[in-house]
Amino acid sequence: MAKEKKMVEAITSMDEDFAQWYTDIVKKAELSDYSSVKGCMIIKPAGYAIWENIRNELDKRFKATGVENVYLPMFIPESLLEKEKDHVEGFAPEVAWVTQGGLEPLQERMCVRPTSETLFCDFYAHDVHSYRDLPRNYNQWASVVRWEKTTRPFLRSREFLWQEGHTAHATAEEAQERTEMMLNVYADLCEDFLAIPVMFGASLLKIVKFAVSGIAISGMEVIILLVGMLVAFLVSVFVIRFLMGYIKKHDFKVFGWYRIVLGILVLVYFFTREI
């Protein structure tokens, strides 16, 4: 009891500093820690076990709908990225570039995967030869890199775990059906497995620039906003206009899930217990 009381006393009051309270909770629960790599975190065994449980459950639900797992390279040539420059434009300032391999400069610089739309587009252009090959329902579990200026464990870091699914369809009707199916997969996981309520909506990430620090709102409002942004991001499924080969004639859908859910669980679980 004394040890538990001491631990609680070492946690900043959420009323005093909500952002520091969140960071204290994550560290005291030994979910993650800071690393020597600026802007990146170490996910400790307890935190990674939570991620594994979520990943395994979600992967099982994906496969039940006919989704197959693949893995694409973490490096993307600049010329390939330029073909989808309109899509990449939003996070272009956060792209990390590789300009040298060993002791030799590269003929073409490559970015470290910020997202894999361009690679999937290129892959499908070679993988799909006719309508008989469709649909293609592929998913990738990976990590991505975005050079965030302000970081916070699980909510913002320069490298983070995530999942991205990309599907190709012969008709818009099939694409819409898959979209609704994946929306419900995410919603069911949040509500039935994570006990987090869901509201469907369009992505807020291009409208709202969120940072835990410096926002004069209550803790519960932060939770509502975070959950809303998380769900909105996860269920935002959009059509990419291809400029590459055969794929431009078909509908392509995207679905994704990433490590911010661990931060959401911390906020929801510990806030409701007023620790």
Protein backbone atom coordinates (compact mmCIF):
# COMPACT_ATOMS: atom_id res chain seq x y z
CA MET A 1 0.00 0.00 0.00
CA ALA A 2 2.82 2.40 0.92
CA LYS A 3 4.59 1.63 -2.36
CA GLU A 4 1.38 2.27 -4.32
CA LYS A 5 0.85 5.57 -2.49
CA LYS A 6 4.43 6.63 -3.22
CA MET A 7 3.97 5.85 -6.91
CA VAL A 8 0.77 7.91 -7.08
CA GLU A 9 2.49 10.81 -5.33
CA ALA A 10 5.21 10.69 -8.00
CA ILE A 11 2.58 11.25 -10.70
CA THR A 12 1.75 14.85 -11.54
CA SER A 13 -1.87 15.79 -10.89
CA MET A 14 -3.89 15.91 -14.11
CA ASP A 15 -5.43 19.18 -12.93
CA GLU A 16 -1.98 20.68 -12.51
CA ASP A 17 -0.43 19.57 -15.81
CA PHE A 18 -2.43 17.15 -17.95
CA ALA A 19 0.38 16.54 -20.46
CA GLN A 20 2.91 15.74 -17.72
CA TRP A 21 0.33 13.55 -15.96
CA TYR A 22 -0.01 11.49 -19.14
CA THR A 23 3.77 11.14 -19.53
CA ASP A 24 4.17 10.17 -15.86
CA ILE A 25 1.49 7.49 -16.21
CA VAL A 26 3.17 5.96 -19.27
CA LYS A 27 6.56 5.87 -17.55
CA LYS A 28 5.37 4.67 -14.12
CA ALA A 29 3.34 1.92 -15.78
CA GLU A 30 6.54 0.95 -17.61
CA LEU A 31 4.83 1.00 -20.98
CA SER A 32 7.58 2.97 -22.70
CA ASP A 33 10.73 4.96 -22.09
CA TYR A 34 12.84 7.55 -23.83
CA SER A 35 15.68 6.41 -26.07
CA SER A 36 19.02 7.87 -27.13
CA VAL A 37 17.48 8.43 -30.56
CA LYS A 38 15.87 11.86 -30.36
CA GLY A 39 12.14 11.79 -31.01
CA CYS A 40 11.91 7.99 -30.79
CA MET A 41 10.73 5.84 -27.90
CA ILE A 42 11.40 2.40 -26.52
CA ILE A 43 8.25 0.34 -26.12
CA LYS A 44 8.82 -1.78 -23.03
CA PRO A 45 7.52 -5.36 -22.59
CA ALA A 46 4.22 -4.33 -20.97
CA GLY A 47 3.50 -1.74 -23.65
CA TYR A 48 4.50 -4.05 -26.48
CA ALA A 49 2.38 -6.87 -25.05
CA ILE A 50 -0.66 -4.57 -25.29
CA TRP A 51 0.24 -3.76 -28.90
CA GLU A 52 0.68 -7.48 -29.68
CA ASN A 53 -2.73 -8.32 -28.23
CA ILE A 54 -4.40 -5.59 -30.28
CA ARG A 55 -2.44 -6.48 -33.42
CA ASN A 56 -3.22 -10.20 -33.12
CA GLU A 57 -6.93 -9.57 -32.56
CA LEU A 58 -7.15 -7.10 -35.44
CA ASP A 59 -5.14 -9.36 -37.74
CA LYS A 60 -7.52 -12.24 -37.00
CA ARG A 61 -10.50 -10.04 -37.88
CA PHE A 62 -8.81 -8.85 -41.07
CA LYS A 63 -8.14 -12.39 -42.25
CA ALA A 64 -11.72 -13.38 -41.55
CA THR A 65 -12.73 -10.87 -44.26
CA GLY A 66 -10.23 -12.23 -46.79
CA VAL A 67 -7.34 -9.83 -46.17
CA GLU A 68 -3.82 -11.19 -46.78
CA ASN A 69 -0.60 -9.87 -45.23
CA VAL A 70 2.35 -8.68 -47.31
CA TYR A 71 5.48 -6.69 -46.58
CA LEU A 72 6.89 -3.95 -48.81
CA PRO A 73 10.31 -2.21 -48.63
CA MET A 74 10.88 0.56 -46.09
CA PHE A 75 12.71 2.66 -48.71
CA ILE A 76 10.91 4.54 -51.48
CA PRO A 77 12.78 6.09 -54.44
CA GLU A 78 12.15 9.82 -54.80
CA SER A 79 10.97 9.40 -58.39
CA LEU A 80 8.25 6.98 -57.25
CA LEU A 81 7.19 9.26 -54.41
CA GLU A 82 6.87 12.16 -56.85
CA LYS A 83 4.19 10.29 -58.79
CA GLU A 84 1.92 10.70 -55.77
CA LYS A 85 3.24 14.09 -54.69
CA ASP A 86 -0.27 15.49 -54.14
CA HIS A 87 -0.95 12.76 -51.59
CA VAL A 88 2.46 13.09 -49.91
CA GLU A 89 2.39 16.90 -49.84
CA GLY A 90 0.71 17.05 -46.42
CA PHE A 91 3.61 15.39 -44.61
CA ALA A 92 6.47 16.21 -47.02
CA PRO A 93 8.28 18.32 -44.37
CA GLU A 94 8.34 15.22 -42.12
CA VAL A 95 9.93 12.86 -44.65
CA ALA A 96 13.34 11.40 -43.70
CA TRP A 97 15.74 10.94 -46.63
CA VAL A 98 18.60 8.49 -47.23
CA THR A 99 21.29 9.98 -49.47
CA GLN A 100 24.21 7.60 -48.95
CA GLY A 101 24.64 3.82 -48.90
CA GLY A 102 27.79 2.69 -47.14
CA LEU A 103 30.53 5.01 -48.37
CA GLU A 104 28.90 5.81 -51.71
CA PRO A 105 26.33 8.55 -52.40
CA LEU A 106 23.11 7.22 -53.92
CA GLN A 107 22.27 8.08 -57.51
CA GLU A 108 18.72 8.76 -56.34
CA ARG A 109 17.81 9.59 -52.79
CA MET A 110 15.24 7.41 -51.05
CA CYS A 111 12.80 8.29 -48.32
CA VAL A 112 12.25 6.11 -45.28
CA ARG A 113 8.65 4.90 -45.52
CA PRO A 114 6.24 7.65 -44.30
CA THR A 115 3.36 5.61 -45.77
CA SER A 116 3.21 2.98 -48.49
CA GLU A 117 0.57 4.17 -50.96
CA THR A 118 3.14 4.76 -53.69
CA LEU A 119 4.71 1.33 -53.25
CA PHE A 120 1.34 -0.40 -53.26
CA CYS A 121 0.36 1.49 -56.40
CA ASP A 122 3.54 0.35 -58.12
CA PHE A 123 3.10 -3.20 -56.79
CA TYR A 124 -0.50 -3.49 -57.97
CA ALA A 125 0.48 -2.18 -61.40
CA HIS A 126 2.60 -5.34 -61.79
CA ASP A 127 0.53 -7.72 -59.69
CA VAL A 128 -2.84 -7.15 -61.37
CA HIS A 129 -3.03 -8.21 -65.01
CA SER A 130 -6.78 -8.34 -65.60
CA TYR A 131 -10.08 -8.01 -63.81
CA ARG A 132 -9.85 -11.74 -63.07
CA ASP A 133 -7.07 -10.96 -60.57
CA LEU A 134 -9.36 -8.70 -58.56
CA PRO A 135 -10.08 -8.00 -55.83
CA ARG A 136 -6.73 -7.63 -54.10
CA ASN A 137 -7.06 -7.21 -50.34
CA TYR A 138 -3.58 -6.72 -48.89
CA ASN A 139 -2.42 -5.50 -45.50
CA GLN A 140 0.99 -4.59 -44.10
CA TRP A 141 2.14 -4.50 -40.47
CA ALA A 142 5.15 -2.23 -40.30
CA SER A 143 6.63 0.93 -38.84
CA VAL A 144 6.81 4.31 -40.53
CA VAL A 145 8.99 7.38 -40.01
CA ARG A 146 7.82 10.99 -39.91
CA TRP A 147 10.15 13.66 -38.59
CA GLU A 148 7.87 15.09 -35.91
CA LYS A 149 9.14 18.23 -34.18
CA THR A 150 7.15 17.71 -30.98
CA THR A 151 6.92 14.19 -29.60
CA ARG A 152 5.08 12.43 -26.78
CA PRO A 153 5.05 8.69 -25.96
CA PHE A 154 2.59 6.78 -28.19
CA LEU A 155 0.84 9.98 -29.34
CA ARG A 156 3.66 11.43 -31.42
CA SER A 157 7.07 9.93 -32.24
CA ARG A 158 9.36 9.92 -35.25
CA GLU A 159 9.04 6.18 -35.77
CA PHE A 160 5.81 4.42 -34.95
CA LEU A 161 4.15 1.07 -35.42
CA TRP A 162 1.13 0.85 -37.61
CA GLN A 163 -0.91 -1.18 -40.02
CA GLU A 164 -1.95 -0.15 -43.50
CA GLY A 165 -4.31 -2.03 -45.76
CA HIS A 166 -4.62 -1.38 -49.49
CA THR A 167 -7.25 -2.97 -51.70
CA ALA A 168 -7.92 -2.88 -55.42
CA HIS A 169 -11.36 -3.55 -56.93
CA ALA A 170 -12.90 -3.94 -60.37
CA THR A 171 -15.94 -1.79 -59.54
CA ALA A 172 -16.82 1.15 -57.35
CA GLU A 173 -19.58 -0.93 -55.75
CA GLU A 174 -17.08 -3.56 -54.59
CA ALA A 175 -14.78 -0.85 -53.28
CA GLN A 176 -17.62 0.73 -51.31
CA GLU A 177 -18.60 -2.63 -49.86
CA ARG A 178 -15.03 -3.21 -48.70
CA THR A 179 -14.90 0.31 -47.24
CA GLU A 180 -17.97 -0.29 -45.10
CA MET A 181 -16.68 -3.70 -44.09
CA MET A 182 -13.39 -2.28 -42.79
CA LEU A 183 -15.16 0.58 -41.04
CA ASN A 184 -17.13 -1.98 -39.08
CA VAL A 185 -14.06 -4.11 -38.35
CA TYR A 186 -12.35 -1.13 -36.69
CA ALA A 187 -15.49 -0.03 -34.89
CA ASP A 188 -16.19 -3.53 -33.54
CA LEU A 189 -12.61 -3.87 -32.31
CA CYS A 190 -12.74 -0.50 -30.53
CA GLU A 191 -16.09 -1.15 -28.89
CA ASP A 192 -16.01 -4.89 -28.20
CA PHE A 193 -12.31 -5.48 -27.55
CA LEU A 194 -10.98 -2.11 -26.31
CA ALA A 195 -14.19 -0.75 -24.72
CA ILE A 196 -13.74 2.58 -26.54
CA PRO A 197 -16.89 4.19 -28.03
CA VAL A 198 -16.81 5.05 -31.72
CA MET A 199 -18.17 7.90 -33.80
CA PHE A 200 -17.81 7.61 -37.57
CA GLY A 201 -16.57 10.66 -39.42
CA ALA A 202 -14.18 12.14 -41.97
CA SER A 203 -10.52 12.62 -41.10
CA LEU A 204 -9.83 15.57 -38.81
CA LEU A 205 -6.06 15.41 -39.03
CA LYS A 206 -5.80 17.95 -41.85
CA ILE A 207 -8.10 20.33 -39.99
CA VAL A 208 -6.92 20.01 -36.41
CA LYS A 209 -3.25 20.30 -35.40
CA PHE A 210 -3.30 18.56 -32.04
CA ALA A 211 -0.73 18.74 -29.26
CA VAL A 212 -1.48 17.70 -25.69
CA SER A 213 0.44 20.62 -24.22
CA GLY A 214 -0.87 24.16 -24.45
CA ILE A 215 -4.58 23.35 -24.80
CA ALA A 216 -6.85 24.92 -22.21
CA ILE A 217 -9.51 22.23 -22.09
CA SER A 218 -10.45 19.59 -19.55
CA GLY A 219 -9.02 16.10 -19.43
CA MET A 220 -12.24 14.50 -20.61
CA GLU A 221 -12.41 16.87 -23.56
CA VAL A 222 -8.88 15.83 -24.48
CA ILE A 223 -9.92 12.18 -24.36
CA ILE A 224 -12.99 12.83 -26.51
CA LEU A 225 -10.89 14.77 -29.02
CA LEU A 226 -8.17 12.12 -29.12
CA VAL A 227 -10.60 9.24 -29.50
CA GLY A 228 -12.48 11.16 -32.16
CA MET A 229 -9.27 11.91 -34.06
CA LEU A 230 -8.06 8.33 -33.72
CA VAL A 231 -11.28 6.80 -34.96
CA ALA A 232 -11.66 9.42 -37.67
CA PHE A 233 -8.16 8.68 -38.89
CA LEU A 234 -8.58 4.93 -38.75
CA VAL A 235 -11.89 4.84 -40.53
CA SER A 236 -11.07 7.48 -43.12
CA VAL A 237 -10.91 5.45 -46.29
CA PHE A 238 -10.11 7.31 -49.48
CA VAL A 239 -9.57 6.73 -53.19
CA ILE A 240 -6.09 7.30 -54.64
CA ARG A 241 -6.00 8.53 -58.24
CA PHE A 242 -3.35 6.47 -59.89
CA LEU A 243 -1.11 7.65 -62.68
CA MET A 244 0.53 4.28 -63.01
CA GLY A 245 -0.41 1.56 -65.47
CA TYR A 246 -3.41 -0.67 -65.08
CA ILE A 247 -4.39 0.42 -61.59
CA LYS A 248 -5.69 3.80 -62.74
CA LYS A 249 -8.68 1.97 -64.25
CA HIS A 250 -9.80 0.49 -60.93
CA ASP A 251 -10.85 1.52 -57.44
CA PHE A 252 -8.25 1.42 -54.70
CA LYS A 253 -9.03 1.61 -50.98
CA VAL A 254 -6.88 2.22 -47.93
CA PHE A 255 -7.40 1.41 -44.25
CA GLY A 256 -5.01 1.91 -41.35
CA TRP A 257 -4.40 1.59 -37.61
CA TYR A 258 -1.44 2.82 -35.60
CA ARG A 259 0.25 3.09 -32.22
CA ILE A 260 -1.73 6.11 -30.98
CA VAL A 261 -4.31 3.59 -29.77
CA LEU A 262 -1.94 2.73 -26.91
CA GLY A 263 -2.00 6.37 -25.84
CA ILE A 264 -5.78 6.38 -26.06
CA LEU A 265 -5.99 3.32 -23.81
CA VAL A 266 -3.77 5.03 -21.24
CA LEU A 267 -5.89 8.18 -21.31
CA VAL A 268 -9.21 6.37 -21.09
CA TYR A 269 -8.19 3.76 -18.52
CA PHE A 270 -6.26 5.96 -16.09
CA PHE A 271 -8.38 9.09 -16.47
CA THR A 272 -11.58 7.25 -15.61
CA ARG A 273 -9.86 5.97 -12.45
CA GLU A 274 -8.65 9.48 -11.54
CA ILE A 275 -5.08 8.34 -10.85
